[in-house]
Amino acid sequence: MRNPMDLSGRTIVVTGASSGIGRETAVVLAELGARLVLAGRRREELDRTASLLEPRDHRVEPFDLAALDAIPGWLKTVADRAGPLDDLVHSAGVHFTLPLRATGTPQYQDLMRVNVDAAFFLAKGFRQKGVRRAGSGSGIVFLSSVMGLIGQAGISAYSASKGALVSMAKSLALELARESIRVNCVAPGVVRTRMAEHAEQVLTSDQYAAIEALHPLGIGTPRDAALAVAFLLAETGRWITGTTLVVDGGYTAQ
């Protein structure tokens, strides 16, 4: 039987591919047959990701997404080197836990620039003529978070950025549908990334146990989120656009 999640022949850009969910997303997409363009700031970590992929003509394309005006031109260059692109995953992100009174303008702006502004300009660059494969359906997936759907003290800026992705995806989905581009979000709960490991180290055992208790199915893994991304990009997501797929072990069911 043909696998409806087969991604053979598709070229997919993944930002934030140097670690965490971005790295695992690249691994899963390659397992399903895709050819990857790995983007991030750290060349050595991107090379590490590339070494984990099913052998194929993958590309490593280091880039700093804080350079917003350069994003469309960078995608044009990527397409010139790698050939037409089929899909885009924006997994790169900034996170910090700070109360409102302690959050300064530089921190806030840096977070928004990568989490939200870069997503907007990636979508703008992706739809350019000569970047996306002509005559084929494409998918854009933004990595949001359950914190963009609910509230939590100390992460107002982060929550705002992830909520903005949810709203942006809805509007972009309507605008780009005529171009056969679907736009969706995946909103994970807490998953075992380097960021979560750091939180486990700085929290008391009782505090971390309380976080675990909020996830009826337990803390997730990067692969849980990556499989959701793959589902939205593959034929399985052909009739899905403008939505947010929550992958949180039951966190938001309570």
C-alpha atoms as a PDB file:
ATOM      1  CA  MET A   1       0.000   0.000   0.000  1.00  0.00           C
ATOM      2  CA  ARG A   2       1.264   3.486  -0.840  1.00  0.00           C
ATOM      3  CA  ASN A   3       2.296   5.538   2.172  1.00  0.00           C
ATOM      4  CA  PRO A   4       0.250   8.794   2.274  1.00  0.00           C
ATOM      5  CA  MET A   5       3.053  10.382   4.285  1.00  0.00           C
ATOM      6  CA  ASP A   6       5.688   9.655   1.645  1.00  0.00           C
ATOM      7  CA  LEU A   7       7.660  12.842   0.920  1.00  0.00           C
ATOM      8  CA  SER A   8       9.949  11.460  -1.772  1.00  0.00           C
ATOM      9  CA  GLY A   9      11.004  14.052  -4.328  1.00  0.00           C
ATOM     10  CA  ARG A  10      10.174  17.035  -2.105  1.00  0.00           C
ATOM     11  CA  THR A  11      12.742  19.631  -1.075  1.00  0.00           C
ATOM     12  CA  ILE A  12      11.987  21.122   2.339  1.00  0.00           C
ATOM     13  CA  VAL A  13      13.635  24.002   4.204  1.00  0.00           C
ATOM     14  CA  VAL A  14      13.796  23.600   7.987  1.00  0.00           C
ATOM     15  CA  THR A  15      14.923  26.550  10.100  1.00  0.00           C
ATOM     16  CA  GLY A  16      16.269  25.911  13.571  1.00  0.00           C
ATOM     17  CA  ALA A  17      17.593  22.583  12.276  1.00  0.00           C
ATOM     18  CA  SER A  18      20.642  22.712  14.531  1.00  0.00           C
ATOM     19  CA  SER A  19      18.879  21.304  17.608  1.00  0.00           C
ATOM     20  CA  GLY A  20      15.681  20.216  19.329  1.00  0.00           C
ATOM     21  CA  ILE A  21      12.443  19.985  17.390  1.00  0.00           C
ATOM     22  CA  GLY A  22      14.019  21.454  14.255  1.00  0.00           C
ATOM     23  CA  ARG A  23      16.715  18.772  14.176  1.00  0.00           C
ATOM     24  CA  GLU A  24      14.244  15.957  14.787  1.00  0.00           C
ATOM     25  CA  THR A  25      11.875  17.360  12.166  1.00  0.00           C
ATOM     26  CA  ALA A  26      14.673  17.166   9.616  1.00  0.00           C
ATOM     27  CA  VAL A  27      15.386  13.564  10.630  1.00  0.00           C
ATOM     28  CA  VAL A  28      11.726  12.529  10.301  1.00  0.00           C
ATOM     29  CA  LEU A  29      11.224  14.282   6.966  1.00  0.00           C
ATOM     30  CA  ALA A  30      14.348  12.607   5.588  1.00  0.00           C
ATOM     31  CA  GLU A  31      13.067   9.217   6.795  1.00  0.00           C
ATOM     32  CA  LEU A  32       9.944   9.883   4.736  1.00  0.00           C
ATOM     33  CA  GLY A  33      11.987  10.551   1.618  1.00  0.00           C
ATOM     34  CA  ALA A  34      12.401  14.329   1.595  1.00  0.00           C
ATOM     35  CA  ARG A  35      15.517  16.221   0.623  1.00  0.00           C
ATOM     36  CA  LEU A  36      16.390  18.775   3.309  1.00  0.00           C
ATOM     37  CA  VAL A  37      17.792  22.282   3.328  1.00  0.00           C
ATOM     38  CA  LEU A  38      19.032  22.792   6.893  1.00  0.00           C
ATOM     39  CA  ALA A  39      19.084  26.381   8.139  1.00  0.00           C
ATOM     40  CA  GLY A  40      20.420  27.866  11.352  1.00  0.00           C
ATOM     41  CA  ARG A  41      23.215  30.011  12.698  1.00  0.00           C
ATOM     42  CA  ARG A  42      25.609  27.264  13.868  1.00  0.00           C
ATOM     43  CA  ARG A  43      27.295  25.513  10.960  1.00  0.00           C
ATOM     44  CA  GLU A  44      28.816  22.793  13.115  1.00  0.00           C
ATOM     45  CA  GLU A  45      25.448  21.849  14.587  1.00  0.00           C
ATOM     46  CA  LEU A  46      23.801  21.863  11.164  1.00  0.00           C
ATOM     47  CA  ASP A  47      26.529  19.505   9.960  1.00  0.00           C
ATOM     48  CA  ARG A  48      25.742  17.293  12.957  1.00  0.00           C
ATOM     49  CA  THR A  49      22.079  17.233  11.919  1.00  0.00           C
ATOM     50  CA  ALA A  50      23.041  16.402   8.338  1.00  0.00           C
ATOM     51  CA  SER A  51      25.031  13.417   9.588  1.00  0.00           C
ATOM     52  CA  LEU A  52      21.861  12.005  11.174  1.00  0.00           C
ATOM     53  CA  LEU A  53      19.784  12.101   7.990  1.00  0.00           C
ATOM     54  CA  GLU A  54      18.958   9.320   5.585  1.00  0.00           C
ATOM     55  CA  PRO A  55      21.578   9.728   2.811  1.00  0.00           C
ATOM     56  CA  ARG A  56      20.368  12.077   0.101  1.00  0.00           C
ATOM     57  CA  ASP A  57      21.473  15.323  -1.553  1.00  0.00           C
ATOM     58  CA  HIS A  58      20.764  17.430   1.538  1.00  0.00           C
ATOM     59  CA  ARG A  59      22.136  20.952   1.888  1.00  0.00           C
ATOM     60  CA  VAL A  60      23.399  22.964   4.845  1.00  0.00           C
ATOM     61  CA  GLU A  61      22.647  26.679   4.510  1.00  0.00           C
ATOM     62  CA  PRO A  62      23.742  28.715   7.551  1.00  0.00           C
ATOM     63  CA  PHE A  63      21.778  31.942   7.973  1.00  0.00           C
ATOM     64  CA  ASP A  64      20.871  34.379  10.747  1.00  0.00           C
ATOM     65  CA  LEU A  65      17.119  34.990  10.625  1.00  0.00           C
ATOM     66  CA  ALA A  66      17.558  38.241  12.543  1.00  0.00           C
ATOM     67  CA  ALA A  67      18.534  39.763   9.175  1.00  0.00           C
ATOM     68  CA  LEU A  68      14.893  40.160   8.163  1.00  0.00           C
ATOM     69  CA  ASP A  69      15.348  42.158   4.984  1.00  0.00           C
ATOM     70  CA  ALA A  70      17.801  39.557   3.674  1.00  0.00           C
ATOM     71  CA  ILE A  71      15.440  36.582   4.086  1.00  0.00           C
ATOM     72  CA  PRO A  72      13.684  36.750   0.673  1.00  0.00           C
ATOM     73  CA  GLY A  73      16.999  37.108  -1.141  1.00  0.00           C
ATOM     74  CA  TRP A  74      18.510  34.274   0.883  1.00  0.00           C
ATOM     75  CA  LEU A  75      15.642  31.950  -0.071  1.00  0.00           C
ATOM     76  CA  LYS A  76      16.156  32.926  -3.705  1.00  0.00           C
ATOM     77  CA  THR A  77      19.817  31.952  -3.392  1.00  0.00           C
ATOM     78  CA  VAL A  78      18.893  28.679  -1.671  1.00  0.00           C
ATOM     79  CA  ALA A  79      16.515  27.804  -4.507  1.00  0.00           C
ATOM     80  CA  ASP A  80      19.205  28.646  -7.075  1.00  0.00           C
ATOM     81  CA  ARG A  81      21.568  26.218  -5.341  1.00  0.00           C
ATOM     82  CA  ALA A  82      19.162  23.460  -4.304  1.00  0.00           C
ATOM     83  CA  GLY A  83      16.478  23.744  -6.973  1.00  0.00           C
ATOM     84  CA  PRO A  84      12.820  24.707  -6.460  1.00  0.00           C
ATOM     85  CA  LEU A  85      11.519  24.350  -2.902  1.00  0.00           C
ATOM     86  CA  ASP A  86       8.373  22.438  -2.014  1.00  0.00           C
ATOM     87  CA  ASP A  87       7.801  23.163   1.679  1.00  0.00           C
ATOM     88  CA  LEU A  88       9.027  25.299   4.570  1.00  0.00           C
ATOM     89  CA  VAL A  89       9.184  24.631   8.318  1.00  0.00           C
ATOM     90  CA  HIS A  90       9.998  27.482  10.694  1.00  0.00           C
ATOM     91  CA  SER A  91      11.248  25.845  13.879  1.00  0.00           C
ATOM     92  CA  ALA A  92      13.836  28.421  14.918  1.00  0.00           C
ATOM     93  CA  GLY A  93      12.811  30.281  18.043  1.00  0.00           C
ATOM     94  CA  VAL A  94      13.890  32.265  21.081  1.00  0.00           C
ATOM     95  CA  HIS A  95      12.578  31.616  24.590  1.00  0.00           C
ATOM     96  CA  PHE A  96      13.125  33.276  27.938  1.00  0.00           C
ATOM     97  CA  THR A  97      11.324  33.288  31.275  1.00  0.00           C
ATOM     98  CA  LEU A  98      11.185  36.765  32.776  1.00  0.00           C
ATOM     99  CA  PRO A  99       8.476  38.694  34.613  1.00  0.00           C
ATOM    100  CA  LEU A 100       7.073  41.741  32.877  1.00  0.00           C
ATOM    101  CA  ARG A 101       8.974  44.159  35.120  1.00  0.00           C
ATOM    102  CA  ALA A 102      12.327  42.604  34.190  1.00  0.00           C
ATOM    103  CA  THR A 103      11.835  42.359  30.412  1.00  0.00           C
ATOM    104  CA  GLY A 104      13.742  44.990  28.474  1.00  0.00           C
ATOM    105  CA  THR A 105      13.280  46.278  24.951  1.00  0.00           C
ATOM    106  CA  PRO A 106      16.301  44.460  23.442  1.00  0.00           C
ATOM    107  CA  GLN A 107      15.197  41.080  24.813  1.00  0.00           C
ATOM    108  CA  TYR A 108      11.633  41.594  23.663  1.00  0.00           C
ATOM    109  CA  GLN A 109      12.639  42.742  20.198  1.00  0.00           C
ATOM    110  CA  ASP A 110      15.137  39.905  19.703  1.00  0.00           C
ATOM    111  CA  LEU A 111      12.476  37.340  20.614  1.00  0.00           C
ATOM    112  CA  MET A 112       9.859  38.838  18.326  1.00  0.00           C
ATOM    113  CA  ARG A 113      12.326  39.232  15.459  1.00  0.00           C
ATOM    114  CA  VAL A 114      13.098  35.501  15.311  1.00  0.00           C
ATOM    115  CA  ASN A 115       9.793  34.005  16.465  1.00  0.00           C
ATOM    116  CA  VAL A 116       7.356  36.214  14.547  1.00  0.00           C
ATOM    117  CA  ASP A 117       8.999  38.632  12.124  1.00  0.00           C
ATOM    118  CA  ALA A 118      11.210  35.968  10.554  1.00  0.00           C
ATOM    119  CA  ALA A 119       8.166  33.739  10.039  1.00  0.00           C
ATOM    120  CA  PHE A 120       6.434  36.527   8.121  1.00  0.00           C
ATOM    121  CA  PHE A 121       9.414  37.207   5.846  1.00  0.00           C
ATOM    122  CA  LEU A 122      10.072  33.501   5.317  1.00  0.00           C
ATOM    123  CA  ALA A 123       6.516  33.155   4.026  1.00  0.00           C
ATOM    124  CA  LYS A 124       7.009  36.233   1.844  1.00  0.00           C
ATOM    125  CA  GLY A 125      10.259  34.873   0.449  1.00  0.00           C
ATOM    126  CA  PHE A 126       8.922  31.353  -0.059  1.00  0.00           C
ATOM    127  CA  ARG A 127       6.102  32.468  -2.344  1.00  0.00           C
ATOM    128  CA  GLN A 128       8.470  34.348  -4.675  1.00  0.00           C
ATOM    129  CA  LYS A 129       8.608  33.295  -8.294  1.00  0.00           C
ATOM    130  CA  GLY A 130      11.591  31.059  -8.823  1.00  0.00           C
ATOM    131  CA  VAL A 131      11.712  29.907  -5.190  1.00  0.00           C
ATOM    132  CA  ARG A 132       8.738  27.566  -4.883  1.00  0.00           C
ATOM    133  CA  ARG A 133       8.257  24.685  -7.288  1.00  0.00           C
ATOM    134  CA  ALA A 134       5.751  25.850  -9.914  1.00  0.00           C
ATOM    135  CA  GLY A 135       2.515  23.962 -10.381  1.00  0.00           C
ATOM    136  CA  SER A 136       2.665  21.983  -7.135  1.00  0.00           C
ATOM    137  CA  GLY A 137       0.970  22.273  -3.775  1.00  0.00           C
ATOM    138  CA  SER A 138       3.176  23.421  -0.920  1.00  0.00           C
ATOM    139  CA  GLY A 139       3.040  23.627   2.838  1.00  0.00           C
ATOM    140  CA  ILE A 140       4.368  26.080   5.403  1.00  0.00           C
ATOM    141  CA  VAL A 141       4.429  24.994   9.045  1.00  0.00           C
ATOM    142  CA  PHE A 142       5.243  27.319  11.938  1.00  0.00           C
ATOM    143  CA  LEU A 143       6.272  25.842  15.283  1.00  0.00           C
ATOM    144  CA  SER A 144       4.049  27.588  17.779  1.00  0.00           C
ATOM    145  CA  SER A 145       3.460  26.388  21.361  1.00  0.00           C
ATOM    146  CA  VAL A 146       0.631  25.655  23.762  1.00  0.00           C
ATOM    147  CA  MET A 147       1.861  28.820  25.487  1.00  0.00           C
ATOM    148  CA  GLY A 148       0.446  30.717  22.535  1.00  0.00           C
ATOM    149  CA  LEU A 149      -2.974  29.297  23.386  1.00  0.00           C
ATOM    150  CA  ILE A 150      -3.054  29.562  27.168  1.00  0.00           C
ATOM    151  CA  GLY A 151      -1.458  31.817  29.760  1.00  0.00           C
ATOM    152  CA  GLN A 152       1.453  31.317  32.100  1.00  0.00           C
ATOM    153  CA  ALA A 153       3.184  33.835  34.338  1.00  0.00           C
ATOM    154  CA  GLY A 154       6.683  34.907  33.411  1.00  0.00           C
ATOM    155  CA  ILE A 155       6.546  34.183  29.692  1.00  0.00           C
ATOM    156  CA  SER A 156       4.253  36.915  28.382  1.00  0.00           C
ATOM    157  CA  ALA A 157       6.601  37.880  25.538  1.00  0.00           C
ATOM    158  CA  TYR A 158       7.093  34.260  24.460  1.00  0.00           C
ATOM    159  CA  SER A 159       3.348  33.570  24.657  1.00  0.00           C
ATOM    160  CA  ALA A 160       2.643  36.678  22.594  1.00  0.00           C
ATOM    161  CA  SER A 161       5.060  35.543  19.902  1.00  0.00           C
ATOM    162  CA  LYS A 162       3.614  32.036  19.674  1.00  0.00           C
ATOM    163  CA  GLY A 163       0.038  33.338  19.683  1.00  0.00           C
ATOM    164  CA  ALA A 164       0.987  35.690  16.860  1.00  0.00           C
ATOM    165  CA  LEU A 165       2.059  32.703  14.754  1.00  0.00           C
ATOM    166  CA  VAL A 166      -1.369  31.118  15.214  1.00  0.00           C
ATOM    167  CA  SER A 167      -3.123  34.263  13.987  1.00  0.00           C
ATOM    168  CA  MET A 168      -0.622  34.830  11.187  1.00  0.00           C
ATOM    169  CA  ALA A 169      -1.111  31.291   9.897  1.00  0.00           C
ATOM    170  CA  LYS A 170      -4.871  31.831   9.596  1.00  0.00           C
ATOM    171  CA  SER A 171      -4.539  34.983   7.530  1.00  0.00           C
ATOM    172  CA  LEU A 172      -1.682  33.676   5.392  1.00  0.00           C
ATOM    173  CA  ALA A 173      -3.661  30.498   4.743  1.00  0.00           C
ATOM    174  CA  LEU A 174      -6.475  32.548   3.205  1.00  0.00           C
ATOM    175  CA  GLU A 175      -4.138  34.801   1.250  1.00  0.00           C
ATOM    176  CA  LEU A 176      -1.949  32.020  -0.152  1.00  0.00           C
ATOM    177  CA  ALA A 177      -4.623  29.407  -0.855  1.00  0.00           C
ATOM    178  CA  ARG A 178      -4.958  30.741  -4.419  1.00  0.00           C
ATOM    179  CA  GLU A 179      -1.269  29.922  -4.865  1.00  0.00           C
ATOM    180  CA  SER A 180      -1.778  26.361  -3.556  1.00  0.00           C
ATOM    181  CA  ILE A 181       0.228  27.090  -0.409  1.00  0.00           C
ATOM    182  CA  ARG A 182      -1.164  25.724   2.844  1.00  0.00           C
ATOM    183  CA  VAL A 183      -0.124  27.399   6.121  1.00  0.00           C
ATOM    184  CA  ASN A 184      -0.483  25.735   9.511  1.00  0.00           C
ATOM    185  CA  CYS A 185       1.017  25.638  12.991  1.00  0.00           C
ATOM    186  CA  VAL A 186       2.073  22.855  15.328  1.00  0.00           C
ATOM    187  CA  ALA A 187       1.725  23.746  19.014  1.00  0.00           C
ATOM    188  CA  PRO A 188       3.708  21.354  21.235  1.00  0.00           C
ATOM    189  CA  GLY A 189       3.531  21.127  24.983  1.00  0.00           C
ATOM    190  CA  VAL A 190       6.739  20.606  26.949  1.00  0.00           C
ATOM    191  CA  VAL A 191       9.104  18.278  25.079  1.00  0.00           C
ATOM    192  CA  ARG A 192      12.513  16.966  26.096  1.00  0.00           C
ATOM    193  CA  THR A 193      14.774  19.443  24.327  1.00  0.00           C
ATOM    194  CA  ARG A 194      17.947  21.110  25.592  1.00  0.00           C
ATOM    195  CA  MET A 195      15.746  23.977  26.763  1.00  0.00           C
ATOM    196  CA  ALA A 196      13.556  21.620  28.806  1.00  0.00           C
ATOM    197  CA  GLU A 197      16.634  19.909  30.247  1.00  0.00           C
ATOM    198  CA  HIS A 198      17.887  23.292  31.438  1.00  0.00           C
ATOM    199  CA  ALA A 199      14.532  23.957  33.107  1.00  0.00           C
ATOM    200  CA  GLU A 200      14.734  20.580  34.839  1.00  0.00           C
ATOM    201  CA  GLN A 201      18.153  21.506  36.217  1.00  0.00           C
ATOM    202  CA  VAL A 202      17.128  24.882  37.635  1.00  0.00           C
ATOM    203  CA  LEU A 203      13.752  23.797  39.054  1.00  0.00           C
ATOM    204  CA  THR A 204      13.246  21.807  42.211  1.00  0.00           C
ATOM    205  CA  SER A 205      12.092  18.219  41.821  1.00  0.00           C
ATOM    206  CA  ASP A 206       8.643  19.218  43.088  1.00  0.00           C
ATOM    207  CA  GLN A 207       8.405  22.064  40.575  1.00  0.00           C
ATOM    208  CA  TYR A 208       9.358  19.824  37.663  1.00  0.00           C
ATOM    209  CA  ALA A 209       7.011  17.083  38.866  1.00  0.00           C
ATOM    210  CA  ALA A 210       4.201  19.661  38.792  1.00  0.00           C
ATOM    211  CA  ILE A 211       4.998  20.416  35.131  1.00  0.00           C
ATOM    212  CA  GLU A 212       4.984  16.720  34.301  1.00  0.00           C
ATOM    213  CA  ALA A 213       1.643  16.310  36.059  1.00  0.00           C
ATOM    214  CA  LEU A 214       0.113  18.876  33.681  1.00  0.00           C
ATOM    215  CA  HIS A 215       0.784  16.465  30.802  1.00  0.00           C
ATOM    216  CA  PRO A 216      -1.482  13.421  31.303  1.00  0.00           C
ATOM    217  CA  LEU A 217       0.511  11.440  28.716  1.00  0.00           C
ATOM    218  CA  GLY A 218       3.820  12.623  30.159  1.00  0.00           C
ATOM    219  CA  ILE A 219       6.456  14.975  28.781  1.00  0.00           C
ATOM    220  CA  GLY A 220       6.791  14.675  25.007  1.00  0.00           C
ATOM    221  CA  THR A 221       9.784  14.162  22.750  1.00  0.00           C
ATOM    222  CA  PRO A 222      10.937  16.230  19.761  1.00  0.00           C
ATOM    223  CA  ARG A 223       9.819  13.348  17.547  1.00  0.00           C
ATOM    224  CA  ASP A 224       6.217  13.766  18.707  1.00  0.00           C
ATOM    225  CA  ALA A 225       6.209  17.322  17.347  1.00  0.00           C
ATOM    226  CA  ALA A 226       8.200  16.360  14.241  1.00  0.00           C
ATOM    227  CA  LEU A 227       5.677  13.690  13.238  1.00  0.00           C
ATOM    228  CA  ALA A 228       2.906  16.281  13.471  1.00  0.00           C
ATOM    229  CA  VAL A 229       4.850  18.564  11.118  1.00  0.00           C
ATOM    230  CA  ALA A 230       5.282  15.699   8.672  1.00  0.00           C
ATOM    231  CA  PHE A 231       1.559  14.913   8.822  1.00  0.00           C
ATOM    232  CA  LEU A 232       0.714  18.495   7.813  1.00  0.00           C
ATOM    233  CA  LEU A 233       3.238  18.595   4.948  1.00  0.00           C
ATOM    234  CA  ALA A 234       2.364  15.217   3.448  1.00  0.00           C
ATOM    235  CA  GLU A 235      -0.728  14.157   1.517  1.00  0.00           C
ATOM    236  CA  THR A 236      -2.345  13.546   4.912  1.00  0.00           C
ATOM    237  CA  GLY A 237      -2.542  17.334   5.324  1.00  0.00           C
ATOM    238  CA  ARG A 238      -3.733  18.086   1.785  1.00  0.00           C
ATOM    239  CA  TRP A 239      -7.070  19.547   2.968  1.00  0.00           C
ATOM    240  CA  ILE A 240      -5.773  21.280   6.096  1.00  0.00           C
ATOM    241  CA  THR A 241      -4.854  24.965   6.185  1.00  0.00           C
ATOM    242  CA  GLY A 242      -5.103  27.825   8.650  1.00  0.00           C
ATOM    243  CA  THR A 243      -5.196  25.545  11.656  1.00  0.00           C
ATOM    244  CA  THR A 244      -3.060  24.714  14.679  1.00  0.00           C
ATOM    245  CA  LEU A 245      -2.349  21.082  15.477  1.00  0.00           C
ATOM    246  CA  VAL A 246      -1.911  20.786  19.250  1.00  0.00           C
ATOM    247  CA  VAL A 247       0.537  18.069  20.300  1.00  0.00           C
ATOM    248  CA  ASP A 248       0.737  18.356  24.065  1.00  0.00           C
ATOM    249  CA  GLY A 249       0.059  15.054  25.842  1.00  0.00           C
ATOM    250  CA  GLY A 250      -3.281  16.377  27.033  1.00  0.00           C
ATOM    251  CA  TYR A 251      -1.966  19.636  28.552  1.00  0.00           C
ATOM    252  CA  THR A 252      -4.705  21.849  27.088  1.00  0.00           C
ATOM    253  CA  ALA A 253      -7.464  19.282  27.756  1.00  0.00           C
ATOM    254  CA  GLN A 254      -7.551  20.237  31.418  1.00  0.00           C
END
